[in-house]
Amino acid sequence: MNHINTYKDINLTSEILGAPHYRHISILLERLLQNINGSLLAISENNITLKCKLLSNSYDIVSYFIDCLDFNADLEMAKKLEGIYSHLQKLFFWANAKGDLTKLNEAKFITENLITWWSKVNESRSLT
């Protein structure tokens, strides 16, 4: 898991590269959820190669999110998000190492909540 090549590893499309920052995050969160769902399926089908690829990709997306946190803008929020993202990294590591469905389902739940939270942030942004 090497997030130095995150842009390459997560196959950023021109849609993402050209998207506004808030949309960029939404797209990556959706991709993260797709990877998790794909990993759950890969584990159930005993497809180790696909599971490893998708979970490594998920780890890289979360690493990218950590790298992008702006501690100067909102220190409290950045620390909370850093904690959530770090926890997701641990869940992806254990799901990858052990094929742990419990850890992966927890990661899915957290990611779904992040998507819901982020959409509310964007709604409030568009109202101002």
N, C-alpha and C. Protein backbone atom coordinates (compact mmCIF):
# COMPACT_ATOMS: atom_id res chain seq x y z
N MET A 1 0.85 -1.16 0.00
CA MET A 1 0.00 0.00 0.00
C MET A 1 0.90 1.23 0.00
N ASN A 2 0.96 1.88 -1.13
CA ASN A 2 1.87 2.98 -1.31
C ASN A 2 1.10 4.19 -1.81
N HIS A 3 0.76 5.10 -0.89
CA HIS A 3 -0.07 6.22 -1.31
C HIS A 3 0.72 7.32 -2.00
N ILE A 4 2.03 7.13 -2.20
CA ILE A 4 2.80 8.10 -2.97
C ILE A 4 2.24 8.18 -4.39
N ASN A 5 1.78 7.05 -4.91
CA ASN A 5 1.23 7.00 -6.26
C ASN A 5 -0.30 7.00 -6.24
N THR A 6 -0.88 7.67 -5.27
CA THR A 6 -2.34 7.63 -5.11
C THR A 6 -3.07 8.03 -6.38
N TYR A 7 -2.64 9.09 -7.02
CA TYR A 7 -3.35 9.52 -8.24
C TYR A 7 -3.39 8.40 -9.26
N LYS A 8 -2.28 7.71 -9.44
CA LYS A 8 -2.24 6.61 -10.41
C LYS A 8 -3.02 5.42 -9.88
N ASP A 9 -2.83 5.08 -8.62
CA ASP A 9 -3.43 3.88 -8.05
C ASP A 9 -4.95 3.91 -8.03
N ILE A 10 -5.54 5.06 -7.83
CA ILE A 10 -7.00 5.11 -7.78
C ILE A 10 -7.59 5.50 -9.12
N ASN A 11 -6.77 5.53 -10.16
CA ASN A 11 -7.22 5.78 -11.53
C ASN A 11 -8.10 7.02 -11.63
N LEU A 12 -7.54 8.15 -11.20
CA LEU A 12 -8.30 9.39 -11.28
C LEU A 12 -8.66 9.69 -12.72
N THR A 13 -9.91 10.00 -12.92
CA THR A 13 -10.39 10.31 -14.27
C THR A 13 -10.34 11.81 -14.49
N SER A 14 -10.52 12.22 -15.70
CA SER A 14 -10.55 13.66 -15.99
C SER A 14 -11.72 14.32 -15.26
N GLU A 15 -12.79 13.54 -15.02
CA GLU A 15 -13.93 14.08 -14.28
C GLU A 15 -13.48 14.51 -12.88
N ILE A 16 -12.67 13.67 -12.25
CA ILE A 16 -12.21 14.00 -10.90
C ILE A 16 -11.19 15.13 -10.96
N LEU A 17 -10.24 15.03 -11.87
CA LEU A 17 -9.20 16.05 -11.94
C LEU A 17 -9.76 17.42 -12.28
N GLY A 18 -10.87 17.44 -13.01
CA GLY A 18 -11.47 18.72 -13.39
C GLY A 18 -12.58 19.16 -12.46
N ALA A 19 -12.93 18.34 -11.49
CA ALA A 19 -14.06 18.64 -10.61
C ALA A 19 -13.67 19.65 -9.53
N PRO A 20 -14.66 20.44 -9.07
CA PRO A 20 -14.39 21.31 -7.92
C PRO A 20 -14.04 20.45 -6.70
N HIS A 21 -13.34 21.05 -5.74
CA HIS A 21 -12.84 20.31 -4.58
C HIS A 21 -13.94 19.52 -3.86
N TYR A 22 -15.09 20.13 -3.61
CA TYR A 22 -16.16 19.42 -2.89
C TYR A 22 -16.67 18.23 -3.69
N ARG A 23 -16.73 18.36 -5.01
CA ARG A 23 -17.19 17.25 -5.87
C ARG A 23 -16.13 16.15 -5.93
N HIS A 24 -14.88 16.57 -5.95
CA HIS A 24 -13.75 15.64 -5.95
C HIS A 24 -13.87 14.68 -4.76
N ILE A 25 -14.13 15.22 -3.59
CA ILE A 25 -14.25 14.39 -2.39
C ILE A 25 -15.46 13.48 -2.50
N SER A 26 -16.58 13.98 -2.99
CA SER A 26 -17.78 13.15 -3.16
C SER A 26 -17.51 11.96 -4.07
N ILE A 27 -16.82 12.22 -5.18
CA ILE A 27 -16.51 11.16 -6.13
C ILE A 27 -15.61 10.10 -5.49
N LEU A 28 -14.61 10.55 -4.75
CA LEU A 28 -13.70 9.60 -4.11
C LEU A 28 -14.40 8.80 -3.00
N LEU A 29 -15.30 9.44 -2.26
CA LEU A 29 -16.06 8.70 -1.25
C LEU A 29 -16.94 7.63 -1.90
N GLU A 30 -17.57 7.97 -3.01
CA GLU A 30 -18.39 6.99 -3.73
C GLU A 30 -17.52 5.84 -4.26
N ARG A 31 -16.35 6.18 -4.76
CA ARG A 31 -15.43 5.15 -5.25
C ARG A 31 -14.97 4.26 -4.09
N LEU A 32 -14.75 4.86 -2.93
CA LEU A 32 -14.37 4.10 -1.75
C LEU A 32 -15.46 3.10 -1.40
N LEU A 33 -16.71 3.53 -1.42
CA LEU A 33 -17.83 2.63 -1.12
C LEU A 33 -17.93 1.52 -2.16
N GLN A 34 -17.72 1.85 -3.43
CA GLN A 34 -17.71 0.82 -4.48
C GLN A 34 -16.62 -0.21 -4.23
N ASN A 35 -15.45 0.26 -3.83
CA ASN A 35 -14.35 -0.66 -3.54
C ASN A 35 -14.69 -1.59 -2.37
N ILE A 36 -15.31 -1.03 -1.35
CA ILE A 36 -15.69 -1.84 -0.19
C ILE A 36 -16.71 -2.89 -0.60
N ASN A 37 -17.74 -2.49 -1.34
CA ASN A 37 -18.74 -3.46 -1.80
C ASN A 37 -18.11 -4.52 -2.68
N GLY A 38 -17.19 -4.11 -3.55
CA GLY A 38 -16.48 -5.07 -4.39
C GLY A 38 -15.62 -6.01 -3.57
N SER A 39 -15.02 -5.50 -2.51
CA SER A 39 -14.19 -6.33 -1.63
C SER A 39 -15.04 -7.36 -0.88
N LEU A 40 -16.21 -6.94 -0.43
CA LEU A 40 -17.12 -7.88 0.23
C LEU A 40 -17.48 -9.03 -0.71
N LEU A 41 -17.77 -8.70 -1.95
CA LEU A 41 -18.09 -9.72 -2.94
C LEU A 41 -16.87 -10.59 -3.22
N ALA A 42 -15.71 -9.97 -3.37
CA ALA A 42 -14.49 -10.73 -3.65
C ALA A 42 -14.18 -11.71 -2.53
N ILE A 43 -14.38 -11.29 -1.29
CA ILE A 43 -14.14 -12.20 -0.16
C ILE A 43 -15.12 -13.36 -0.20
N SER A 44 -16.40 -13.06 -0.47
CA SER A 44 -17.40 -14.14 -0.51
C SER A 44 -17.13 -15.12 -1.64
N GLU A 45 -16.50 -14.63 -2.72
CA GLU A 45 -16.16 -15.50 -3.86
C GLU A 45 -14.74 -16.04 -3.77
N ASN A 46 -14.06 -15.75 -2.66
CA ASN A 46 -12.69 -16.20 -2.42
C ASN A 46 -11.73 -15.72 -3.53
N ASN A 47 -11.98 -14.52 -4.03
CA ASN A 47 -11.12 -13.91 -5.05
C ASN A 47 -10.10 -13.02 -4.34
N ILE A 48 -9.00 -13.63 -3.92
CA ILE A 48 -7.99 -12.95 -3.11
C ILE A 48 -7.35 -11.79 -3.88
N THR A 49 -7.08 -11.99 -5.16
CA THR A 49 -6.41 -10.96 -5.96
C THR A 49 -7.26 -9.69 -6.03
N LEU A 50 -8.54 -9.85 -6.33
CA LEU A 50 -9.42 -8.69 -6.42
C LEU A 50 -9.59 -8.02 -5.06
N LYS A 51 -9.75 -8.83 -4.01
CA LYS A 51 -9.88 -8.29 -2.65
C LYS A 51 -8.68 -7.42 -2.32
N CYS A 52 -7.48 -7.93 -2.58
CA CYS A 52 -6.25 -7.18 -2.27
C CYS A 52 -6.18 -5.88 -3.07
N LYS A 53 -6.53 -5.95 -4.34
CA LYS A 53 -6.48 -4.76 -5.19
C LYS A 53 -7.45 -3.70 -4.69
N LEU A 54 -8.68 -4.09 -4.42
CA LEU A 54 -9.70 -3.13 -4.00
C LEU A 54 -9.41 -2.54 -2.62
N LEU A 55 -8.93 -3.38 -1.70
CA LEU A 55 -8.63 -2.87 -0.36
C LEU A 55 -7.38 -2.00 -0.35
N SER A 56 -6.40 -2.34 -1.17
CA SER A 56 -5.22 -1.48 -1.30
C SER A 56 -5.62 -0.13 -1.88
N ASN A 57 -6.50 -0.17 -2.86
CA ASN A 57 -7.01 1.04 -3.48
C ASN A 57 -7.77 1.88 -2.45
N SER A 58 -8.58 1.22 -1.62
CA SER A 58 -9.33 1.92 -0.57
C SER A 58 -8.39 2.57 0.43
N TYR A 59 -7.37 1.84 0.82
CA TYR A 59 -6.36 2.37 1.75
C TYR A 59 -5.72 3.63 1.15
N ASP A 60 -5.41 3.58 -0.13
CA ASP A 60 -4.78 4.71 -0.81
C ASP A 60 -5.70 5.93 -0.86
N ILE A 61 -6.98 5.71 -1.10
CA ILE A 61 -7.93 6.82 -1.12
C ILE A 61 -7.96 7.50 0.25
N VAL A 62 -8.03 6.70 1.31
CA VAL A 62 -8.07 7.25 2.66
C VAL A 62 -6.75 7.95 2.98
N SER A 63 -5.63 7.40 2.53
CA SER A 63 -4.34 8.06 2.73
C SER A 63 -4.33 9.42 2.05
N TYR A 64 -4.91 9.47 0.87
CA TYR A 64 -5.01 10.73 0.14
C TYR A 64 -5.85 11.73 0.94
N PHE A 65 -6.96 11.28 1.50
CA PHE A 65 -7.80 12.17 2.32
C PHE A 65 -7.00 12.72 3.50
N ILE A 66 -6.21 11.87 4.16
CA ILE A 66 -5.40 12.33 5.29
C ILE A 66 -4.40 13.38 4.82
N ASP A 67 -3.76 13.12 3.69
CA ASP A 67 -2.78 14.07 3.16
C ASP A 67 -3.40 15.42 2.83
N CYS A 68 -4.69 15.44 2.51
CA CYS A 68 -5.36 16.68 2.10
C CYS A 68 -5.99 17.45 3.25
N LEU A 69 -5.96 16.90 4.46
CA LEU A 69 -6.58 17.60 5.59
C LEU A 69 -5.91 18.95 5.81
N ASP A 70 -6.72 19.96 6.06
CA ASP A 70 -6.21 21.31 6.31
C ASP A 70 -6.37 21.63 7.79
N PHE A 71 -5.29 21.42 8.54
CA PHE A 71 -5.34 21.65 9.98
C PHE A 71 -5.40 23.14 10.32
N ASN A 72 -5.02 23.98 9.38
CA ASN A 72 -5.06 25.43 9.63
C ASN A 72 -6.48 25.97 9.50
N ALA A 73 -7.29 25.38 8.65
CA ALA A 73 -8.64 25.88 8.41
C ALA A 73 -9.56 25.56 9.59
N ASP A 74 -9.53 24.33 10.06
CA ASP A 74 -10.40 23.91 11.17
C ASP A 74 -9.71 22.76 11.89
N LEU A 75 -8.92 23.10 12.89
CA LEU A 75 -8.11 22.11 13.59
C LEU A 75 -8.95 21.00 14.20
N GLU A 76 -10.05 21.36 14.85
CA GLU A 76 -10.89 20.35 15.51
C GLU A 76 -11.48 19.36 14.50
N MET A 77 -12.02 19.88 13.41
CA MET A 77 -12.61 19.00 12.39
C MET A 77 -11.53 18.15 11.73
N ALA A 78 -10.39 18.74 11.44
CA ALA A 78 -9.30 17.99 10.81
C ALA A 78 -8.85 16.84 11.70
N LYS A 79 -8.76 17.08 12.99
CA LYS A 79 -8.35 16.01 13.92
C LYS A 79 -9.39 14.90 13.97
N LYS A 80 -10.67 15.26 13.97
CA LYS A 80 -11.73 14.25 13.96
C LYS A 80 -11.66 13.40 12.70
N LEU A 81 -11.53 14.08 11.55
CA LEU A 81 -11.46 13.35 10.28
C LEU A 81 -10.21 12.49 10.21
N GLU A 82 -9.10 13.01 10.72
CA GLU A 82 -7.87 12.22 10.73
C GLU A 82 -8.07 10.94 11.54
N GLY A 83 -8.77 11.03 12.66
CA GLY A 83 -9.06 9.85 13.48
C GLY A 83 -9.94 8.85 12.74
N ILE A 84 -10.96 9.35 12.07
CA ILE A 84 -11.85 8.48 11.30
C ILE A 84 -11.09 7.80 10.17
N TYR A 85 -10.32 8.60 9.42
CA TYR A 85 -9.57 8.04 8.28
C TYR A 85 -8.52 7.04 8.74
N SER A 86 -7.85 7.34 9.86
CA SER A 86 -6.85 6.40 10.39
C SER A 86 -7.51 5.09 10.81
N HIS A 87 -8.69 5.19 11.40
CA HIS A 87 -9.43 3.99 11.78
C HIS A 87 -9.81 3.18 10.54
N LEU A 88 -10.26 3.87 9.49
CA LEU A 88 -10.58 3.17 8.23
C LEU A 88 -9.35 2.45 7.69
N GLN A 89 -8.19 3.09 7.76
CA GLN A 89 -6.97 2.43 7.28
C GLN A 89 -6.73 1.12 8.03
N LYS A 90 -6.91 1.15 9.35
CA LYS A 90 -6.72 -0.07 10.16
C LYS A 90 -7.74 -1.14 9.76
N LEU A 91 -8.98 -0.72 9.55
CA LEU A 91 -10.01 -1.68 9.14
C LEU A 91 -9.66 -2.31 7.79
N PHE A 92 -9.20 -1.50 6.84
CA PHE A 92 -8.82 -2.03 5.53
C PHE A 92 -7.63 -2.97 5.65
N PHE A 93 -6.68 -2.62 6.51
CA PHE A 93 -5.52 -3.49 6.71
C PHE A 93 -5.96 -4.86 7.22
N TRP A 94 -6.80 -4.88 8.26
CA TRP A 94 -7.23 -6.15 8.82
C TRP A 94 -8.14 -6.92 7.88
N ALA A 95 -8.99 -6.23 7.18
CA ALA A 95 -9.86 -6.90 6.20
C ALA A 95 -9.02 -7.52 5.10
N ASN A 96 -7.95 -6.85 4.71
CA ASN A 96 -7.08 -7.37 3.67
C ASN A 96 -6.25 -8.54 4.19
N ALA A 97 -5.70 -8.38 5.38
CA ALA A 97 -4.82 -9.42 5.94
C ALA A 97 -5.58 -10.69 6.31
N LYS A 98 -6.78 -10.52 6.85
CA LYS A 98 -7.52 -11.67 7.39
C LYS A 98 -8.81 -11.99 6.65
N GLY A 99 -9.18 -11.15 5.67
CA GLY A 99 -10.48 -11.36 5.02
C GLY A 99 -11.62 -11.16 6.00
N ASP A 100 -11.43 -10.24 6.94
CA ASP A 100 -12.36 -10.03 8.05
C ASP A 100 -13.59 -9.23 7.59
N LEU A 101 -14.71 -9.93 7.43
CA LEU A 101 -15.95 -9.28 6.98
C LEU A 101 -16.50 -8.30 8.01
N THR A 102 -16.29 -8.57 9.29
CA THR A 102 -16.77 -7.66 10.33
C THR A 102 -16.08 -6.30 10.21
N LYS A 103 -14.77 -6.32 10.03
CA LYS A 103 -14.01 -5.07 9.86
C LYS A 103 -14.44 -4.35 8.59
N LEU A 104 -14.66 -5.10 7.54
CA LEU A 104 -15.04 -4.50 6.27
C LEU A 104 -16.45 -3.92 6.33
N ASN A 105 -17.36 -4.60 7.01
CA ASN A 105 -18.71 -4.05 7.18
C ASN A 105 -18.70 -2.79 8.05
N GLU A 106 -17.81 -2.75 9.03
CA GLU A 106 -17.65 -1.53 9.83
C GLU A 106 -17.14 -0.39 8.95
N ALA A 107 -16.18 -0.69 8.09
CA ALA A 107 -15.66 0.33 7.16
C ALA A 107 -16.76 0.82 6.22
N LYS A 108 -17.61 -0.09 5.79
CA LYS A 108 -18.72 0.28 4.91
C LYS A 108 -19.68 1.22 5.64
N PHE A 109 -20.02 0.89 6.87
CA PHE A 109 -20.91 1.73 7.68
C PHE A 109 -20.32 3.13 7.86
N ILE A 110 -19.04 3.20 8.20
CA ILE A 110 -18.38 4.49 8.39
C ILE A 110 -18.38 5.29 7.09
N THR A 111 -18.07 4.62 5.99
CA THR A 111 -18.02 5.30 4.69
C THR A 111 -19.40 5.82 4.29
N GLU A 112 -20.43 5.02 4.51
CA GLU A 112 -21.79 5.49 4.21
C GLU A 112 -22.14 6.72 5.03
N ASN A 113 -21.72 6.73 6.30
CA ASN A 113 -21.97 7.90 7.15
C ASN A 113 -21.16 9.11 6.68
N LEU A 114 -19.94 8.88 6.22
CA LEU A 114 -19.14 9.98 5.67
C LEU A 114 -19.80 10.57 4.42
N ILE A 115 -20.34 9.70 3.58
CA ILE A 115 -21.02 10.17 2.36
C ILE A 115 -22.24 11.01 2.74
N THR A 116 -23.03 10.54 3.70
CA THR A 116 -24.21 11.29 4.15
C THR A 116 -23.79 12.63 4.74
N TRP A 117 -22.78 12.62 5.60
CA TRP A 117 -22.29 13.86 6.22
C TRP A 117 -21.79 14.82 5.15
N TRP A 118 -21.00 14.31 4.21
CA TRP A 118 -20.42 15.18 3.18
C TRP A 118 -21.52 15.79 2.29
N SER A 119 -22.57 15.03 2.00
CA SER A 119 -23.65 15.59 1.18
C SER A 119 -24.37 16.71 1.94
N LYS A 120 -24.50 16.56 3.26
CA LYS A 120 -25.11 17.63 4.07
C LYS A 120 -24.22 18.86 4.11
N VAL A 121 -22.91 18.66 4.19
CA VAL A 121 -21.97 19.78 4.15
C VAL A 121 -22.12 20.53 2.83
N ASN A 122 -22.22 19.78 1.75
CA ASN A 122 -22.36 20.40 0.43
C ASN A 122 -23.70 21.12 0.27
N GLU A 123 -24.76 20.55 0.85
CA GLU A 123 -26.07 21.22 0.81
C GLU A 123 -26.00 22.56 1.52
N SER A 124 -25.40 22.57 2.70
CA SER A 124 -25.31 23.83 3.45
C SER A 124 -24.40 24.82 2.72
N ARG A 125 -23.39 24.32 2.03
CA ARG A 125 -22.49 25.19 1.26
C ARG A 125 -23.26 25.85 0.12
N SER A 126 -24.14 25.11 -0.52
CA SER A 126 -24.88 25.67 -1.67
C SER A 126 -25.96 26.66 -1.23
N LEU A 127 -26.39 26.58 0.03
CA LEU A 127 -27.40 27.51 0.54
C LEU A 127 -26.82 28.87 0.89
N THR A 128 -25.52 28.91 1.08
CA THR A 128 -24.89 30.19 1.48
C THR A 128 -24.41 30.97 0.29
